[in-house]
Amino acid sequence: MKIKVSASGRQDRPEYLKKKAFFDQLITAYGRKPVLEILENPGIEIFRLHLADTNQNRGIIQQIQHLAEQRGIKIFRHSRSELSRISKNSKQDQGVACDIYCPGYQCFDEQKNAILAGQSKVLIALDGVKNPQNLGMIIRSVTASPCHGLLIPDRGTSDLSPLVIKASAGTIFKSTIIRCRNLVDSLQYLKSHGFAICMLSSHNAIPINAISLPPSVVYILGSESDGVSQEIEAICDYRIGIPMENDIESLNVAVTAALLAFKAH
């Protein structure tokens, strides 16, 4: 039996692919209080706990370890530098991190066929939203809405940090978040398969209530300061806006996302 070997030298065996898919669905949270609060929630599935070996086993660290042991969660101990590589935030991890299993946290390349399945899908994509509070609120709105999910690039958007988790009010663990390496490429793929690509803008835009869109749509929200990037704007089919009264120019990006998410049907 021949085993196919990928260009990177890794074997494309079913066991490897299954393992990779599982690890792709892990979100790493860090910080003593955030991790303690996560451990206290029995509805959140934690894969493993990471502790720096410099931590003293008392106070909140003792509580964290005790809860992990009660729940049968594997505890791994690391040097301080090793833990900072896991958390990717040595200034704020406080020697504690945990890997959380989120079945809705998906890779675009592995999920694009599922996205195309069915007669209609509505996605909200983010292009440079960097405020953790905004991202968390967007996740909460999209999760509660009829939207299929949230499309975010690996780079250029706020990390899924404890601040994002808190702002989402825990809904991040129930949400469908589809991450992609390159937002332009992913949008081009969806466009070639019948999705309408719509950017939100407060200038020279068609009012959203005055336009008829196809059943499959991607709404793109730009950064808090600069809006949608020129690279993304160049591939959009529509430039749409939310009608405003009383000389108000625009809404907060999280509020706009909520309006769009609940427009989905």
Protein backbone atom coordinates (compact mmCIF):
# COMPACT_ATOMS: atom_id res chain seq x y z
CA MET A 1 0.00 0.00 0.00
CA LYS A 2 1.39 3.37 -1.05
CA ILE A 3 1.23 6.37 1.27
CA LYS A 4 0.87 9.74 -0.34
CA VAL A 5 3.45 12.22 0.88
CA SER A 6 2.68 15.93 0.71
CA ALA A 7 5.08 18.55 -0.60
CA SER A 8 5.99 19.44 2.95
CA GLY A 9 7.08 15.84 3.58
CA ARG A 10 4.20 14.96 5.91
CA GLN A 11 2.18 11.86 5.23
CA ASP A 12 -1.44 12.36 4.20
CA ARG A 13 -2.67 9.41 6.21
CA PRO A 14 -6.19 9.34 7.71
CA GLU A 15 -4.77 9.31 11.26
CA TYR A 16 -2.60 12.35 10.57
CA LEU A 17 -5.42 14.28 8.90
CA LYS A 18 -7.80 13.48 11.74
CA LYS A 19 -5.25 14.62 14.31
CA LYS A 20 -4.52 17.79 12.34
CA ALA A 21 -8.24 18.60 12.08
CA PHE A 22 -8.57 18.25 15.86
CA PHE A 23 -5.62 20.52 16.65
CA ASP A 24 -6.89 23.07 14.13
CA GLN A 25 -10.00 23.40 16.30
CA LEU A 26 -8.13 24.39 19.46
CA ILE A 27 -8.10 27.94 20.80
CA THR A 28 -5.45 28.80 23.39
CA ALA A 29 -6.52 31.05 26.26
CA TYR A 30 -4.04 32.48 28.77
CA GLY A 31 -3.88 34.42 32.01
CA ARG A 32 -4.63 33.20 35.53
CA LYS A 33 -8.11 34.65 36.03
CA PRO A 34 -9.37 33.92 32.48
CA VAL A 35 -8.20 30.31 32.68
CA LEU A 36 -9.72 29.88 36.14
CA GLU A 37 -13.08 31.17 34.85
CA ILE A 38 -12.90 28.80 31.88
CA LEU A 39 -12.14 25.85 34.16
CA GLU A 40 -15.12 26.78 36.32
CA ASN A 41 -17.44 26.45 33.32
CA PRO A 42 -18.27 22.73 32.83
CA GLY A 43 -19.74 23.48 29.41
CA ILE A 44 -16.32 24.37 27.98
CA GLU A 45 -14.25 21.39 26.80
CA ILE A 46 -10.60 21.86 27.76
CA PHE A 47 -8.04 19.66 26.06
CA ARG A 48 -5.07 20.43 28.29
CA LEU A 49 -3.69 22.91 30.81
CA HIS A 50 -0.21 24.45 30.58
CA LEU A 51 1.61 25.78 33.64
CA ALA A 52 5.02 27.40 33.91
CA ASP A 53 7.29 25.50 36.31
CA THR A 54 8.12 28.82 37.97
CA ASN A 55 4.57 29.12 39.35
CA GLN A 56 4.22 28.61 43.08
CA ASN A 57 1.45 26.15 43.94
CA ARG A 58 -0.68 28.46 46.03
CA GLY A 59 -3.59 30.88 45.67
CA ILE A 60 -5.13 31.01 42.21
CA ILE A 61 -2.54 28.60 40.76
CA GLN A 62 -3.56 26.02 43.35
CA GLN A 63 -7.23 26.58 42.44
CA ILE A 64 -6.49 26.17 38.74
CA GLN A 65 -4.57 22.95 39.30
CA HIS A 66 -7.23 21.55 41.63
CA LEU A 67 -10.05 22.24 39.14
CA ALA A 68 -8.06 20.68 36.30
CA GLU A 69 -7.40 17.57 38.38
CA GLN A 70 -11.09 17.35 39.33
CA ARG A 71 -12.09 17.48 35.68
CA GLY A 72 -9.43 15.00 34.58
CA ILE A 73 -7.65 17.54 32.39
CA LYS A 74 -4.05 16.80 31.49
CA ILE A 75 -1.57 19.24 33.04
CA PHE A 76 1.69 20.01 31.24
CA ARG A 77 4.54 21.91 32.88
CA HIS A 78 6.94 24.05 30.88
CA SER A 79 9.80 26.44 31.27
CA ARG A 80 8.78 30.09 31.15
CA SER A 81 10.07 30.49 27.58
CA GLU A 82 8.25 27.34 26.43
CA LEU A 83 4.98 28.59 27.91
CA SER A 84 5.33 31.97 26.20
CA ARG A 85 5.63 30.17 22.86
CA ILE A 86 2.36 28.37 23.61
CA SER A 87 0.47 31.48 24.73
CA LYS A 88 2.13 33.77 22.16
CA ASN A 89 1.81 36.51 24.78
CA SER A 90 4.56 36.33 27.37
CA LYS A 91 3.63 39.72 28.85
CA GLN A 92 0.10 38.68 29.80
CA ASP A 93 -0.02 34.89 30.17
CA GLN A 94 1.07 34.98 33.86
CA GLY A 95 2.50 31.47 33.49
CA VAL A 96 -0.85 29.87 32.63
CA ALA A 97 -2.53 28.76 29.39
CA CYS A 98 -5.10 26.20 28.30
CA ASP A 99 -6.18 24.67 24.99
CA ILE A 100 -9.94 24.74 24.46
CA TYR A 101 -11.71 22.53 21.96
CA CYS A 102 -14.01 24.57 19.72
CA PRO A 103 -15.67 22.40 17.04
CA GLY A 104 -16.84 25.50 15.16
CA TYR A 105 -13.31 26.92 14.82
CA GLN A 106 -12.48 25.80 11.29
CA CYS A 107 -9.96 26.19 8.48
CA PHE A 108 -11.38 27.64 5.24
CA ASP A 109 -9.52 25.22 2.97
CA GLU A 110 -10.96 22.26 4.83
CA GLN A 111 -14.49 23.69 5.12
CA LYS A 112 -15.07 25.41 1.77
CA ASN A 113 -17.06 22.50 0.34
CA ALA A 114 -19.35 22.56 3.37
CA ILE A 115 -19.75 26.32 2.99
CA LEU A 116 -20.90 25.87 -0.60
CA ALA A 117 -23.38 23.13 0.31
CA GLY A 118 -27.04 24.16 0.36
CA GLN A 119 -28.94 26.86 -1.47
CA SER A 120 -27.90 29.89 0.56
CA LYS A 121 -25.29 30.98 3.01
CA VAL A 122 -24.56 34.32 4.63
CA LEU A 123 -21.09 35.00 6.00
CA ILE A 124 -19.63 38.04 7.69
CA ALA A 125 -15.96 38.67 6.93
CA LEU A 126 -13.62 40.96 8.84
CA ASP A 127 -10.88 42.98 7.18
CA GLY A 128 -8.62 44.47 9.83
CA VAL A 129 -10.88 44.62 12.92
CA LYS A 130 -8.25 44.96 15.64
CA ASN A 131 -10.22 45.90 18.76
CA PRO A 132 -10.72 42.78 20.94
CA GLN A 133 -13.94 44.17 22.42
CA ASN A 134 -15.41 44.69 18.96
CA LEU A 135 -14.36 41.24 17.78
CA GLY A 136 -15.89 39.56 20.82
CA MET A 137 -19.17 41.42 20.37
CA ILE A 138 -19.22 40.53 16.67
CA ILE A 139 -18.69 36.86 17.51
CA ARG A 140 -21.58 36.99 19.97
CA SER A 141 -23.96 38.59 17.44
CA VAL A 142 -23.03 36.24 14.60
CA THR A 143 -23.36 33.19 16.86
CA ALA A 144 -26.84 34.25 17.99
CA SER A 145 -28.01 35.03 14.44
CA PRO A 146 -29.07 33.00 11.37
CA CYS A 147 -25.64 33.72 9.79
CA HIS A 148 -23.59 30.68 8.78
CA GLY A 149 -20.49 32.08 10.43
CA LEU A 150 -17.62 34.54 10.64
CA LEU A 151 -14.72 34.58 8.17
CA ILE A 152 -11.45 36.02 9.49
CA PRO A 153 -7.88 36.04 8.14
CA ASP A 154 -5.02 34.58 10.17
CA ARG A 155 -3.31 37.96 10.17
CA GLY A 156 -4.56 41.53 10.41
CA THR A 157 -7.42 40.87 12.83
CA SER A 158 -7.36 40.77 16.62
CA ASP A 159 -6.19 37.47 18.11
CA LEU A 160 -8.76 35.33 19.91
CA SER A 161 -7.46 36.56 23.26
CA PRO A 162 -9.02 36.42 26.74
CA LEU A 163 -10.44 39.91 26.07
CA VAL A 164 -12.20 38.58 22.96
CA ILE A 165 -13.47 35.53 24.87
CA LYS A 166 -14.83 37.77 27.64
CA ALA A 167 -16.47 40.20 25.21
CA SER A 168 -18.14 37.30 23.43
CA ALA A 169 -19.67 36.26 26.77
CA GLY A 170 -18.46 32.71 26.17
CA THR A 171 -20.28 32.34 22.85
CA ILE A 172 -16.96 31.93 21.06
CA PHE A 173 -17.03 28.26 22.08
CA LYS A 174 -20.37 27.79 20.28
CA SER A 175 -19.60 29.89 17.23
CA THR A 176 -18.61 29.04 13.67
CA ILE A 177 -15.37 30.92 13.02
CA ILE A 178 -13.70 30.16 9.71
CA ARG A 179 -10.11 31.32 9.47
CA CYS A 180 -8.24 31.72 6.21
CA ARG A 181 -4.65 32.41 5.24
CA ASN A 182 -5.55 35.09 2.71
CA LEU A 183 -8.89 36.91 2.77
CA VAL A 184 -8.64 38.05 -0.86
CA ASP A 185 -8.10 34.50 -2.13
CA SER A 186 -10.96 33.14 0.00
CA LEU A 187 -13.36 35.84 -1.18
CA GLN A 188 -12.34 35.24 -4.79
CA TYR A 189 -13.10 31.54 -4.34
CA LEU A 190 -16.53 32.26 -2.89
CA LYS A 191 -17.23 34.81 -5.62
CA SER A 192 -16.40 32.26 -8.31
CA HIS A 193 -18.98 29.94 -6.73
CA GLY A 194 -21.88 32.37 -6.76
CA PHE A 195 -21.44 34.43 -3.59
CA ALA A 196 -22.09 38.17 -3.78
CA ILE A 197 -19.19 40.05 -2.17
CA CYS A 198 -20.49 43.16 -0.38
CA MET A 199 -18.43 45.74 1.43
CA LEU A 200 -19.98 48.01 4.05
CA SER A 201 -19.26 51.68 3.65
CA SER A 202 -20.62 55.01 4.84
CA HIS A 203 -19.70 56.77 1.58
CA ASN A 204 -21.19 56.44 -1.92
CA ALA A 205 -23.02 53.29 -0.90
CA ILE A 206 -26.34 51.80 -1.94
CA PRO A 207 -28.73 51.59 1.03
CA ILE A 208 -28.98 47.96 2.11
CA ASN A 209 -32.77 48.15 2.12
CA ALA A 210 -32.79 49.30 -1.51
CA ILE A 211 -30.85 46.43 -3.04
CA SER A 212 -31.75 42.86 -3.94
CA LEU A 213 -28.89 40.46 -3.26
CA PRO A 214 -28.38 36.80 -4.22
CA PRO A 215 -29.14 34.20 -1.52
CA SER A 216 -25.44 33.60 -0.84
CA VAL A 217 -23.64 36.70 0.41
CA VAL A 218 -20.45 37.72 2.17
CA TYR A 219 -20.68 41.04 4.03
CA ILE A 220 -17.24 42.56 4.63
CA LEU A 221 -16.59 44.90 7.56
CA GLY A 222 -13.39 46.91 7.55
CA SER A 223 -11.14 48.21 10.29
CA GLU A 224 -12.29 50.67 12.92
CA SER A 225 -10.09 53.44 11.51
CA ASP A 226 -9.64 52.81 7.76
CA GLY A 227 -12.60 50.70 6.69
CA VAL A 228 -12.29 48.04 4.01
CA SER A 229 -8.83 47.87 2.39
CA GLN A 230 -8.37 48.84 -1.27
CA GLU A 231 -7.31 45.28 -2.11
CA ILE A 232 -10.60 43.90 -0.81
CA GLU A 233 -12.65 46.76 -2.26
CA ALA A 234 -11.32 45.93 -5.74
CA ILE A 235 -13.02 42.52 -5.76
CA CYS A 236 -16.37 43.54 -4.23
CA ASP A 237 -19.57 43.31 -6.26
CA TYR A 238 -21.50 45.82 -4.17
CA ARG A 239 -20.79 48.80 -1.96
CA ILE A 240 -23.65 48.97 0.52
CA GLY A 241 -24.48 51.05 3.56
CA ILE A 242 -26.96 51.32 6.40
CA PRO A 243 -29.21 54.39 6.05
CA MET A 244 -28.48 56.89 8.83
CA GLU A 245 -30.55 59.71 10.31
CA ASN A 246 -29.72 62.93 12.19
CA ASP A 247 -26.38 63.50 10.44
CA ILE A 248 -24.81 60.41 12.01
CA GLU A 249 -22.04 59.25 9.69
CA SER A 250 -21.52 55.64 10.78
CA LEU A 251 -22.05 52.99 13.45
CA ASN A 252 -19.58 51.03 15.52
CA VAL A 253 -18.37 47.99 13.57
CA ALA A 254 -19.82 45.58 16.13
CA VAL A 255 -23.25 47.23 15.92
CA THR A 256 -23.11 47.08 12.12
CA ALA A 257 -22.22 43.38 12.29
CA ALA A 258 -25.21 42.71 14.53
CA LEU A 259 -27.59 44.44 12.11
CA LEU A 260 -26.23 42.46 9.16
CA ALA A 261 -26.17 39.15 11.04
CA PHE A 262 -29.84 39.34 11.95
CA LYS A 263 -30.75 40.42 8.42
CA ALA A 264 -29.53 36.98 7.27
CA HIS A 265 -32.25 34.46 6.54
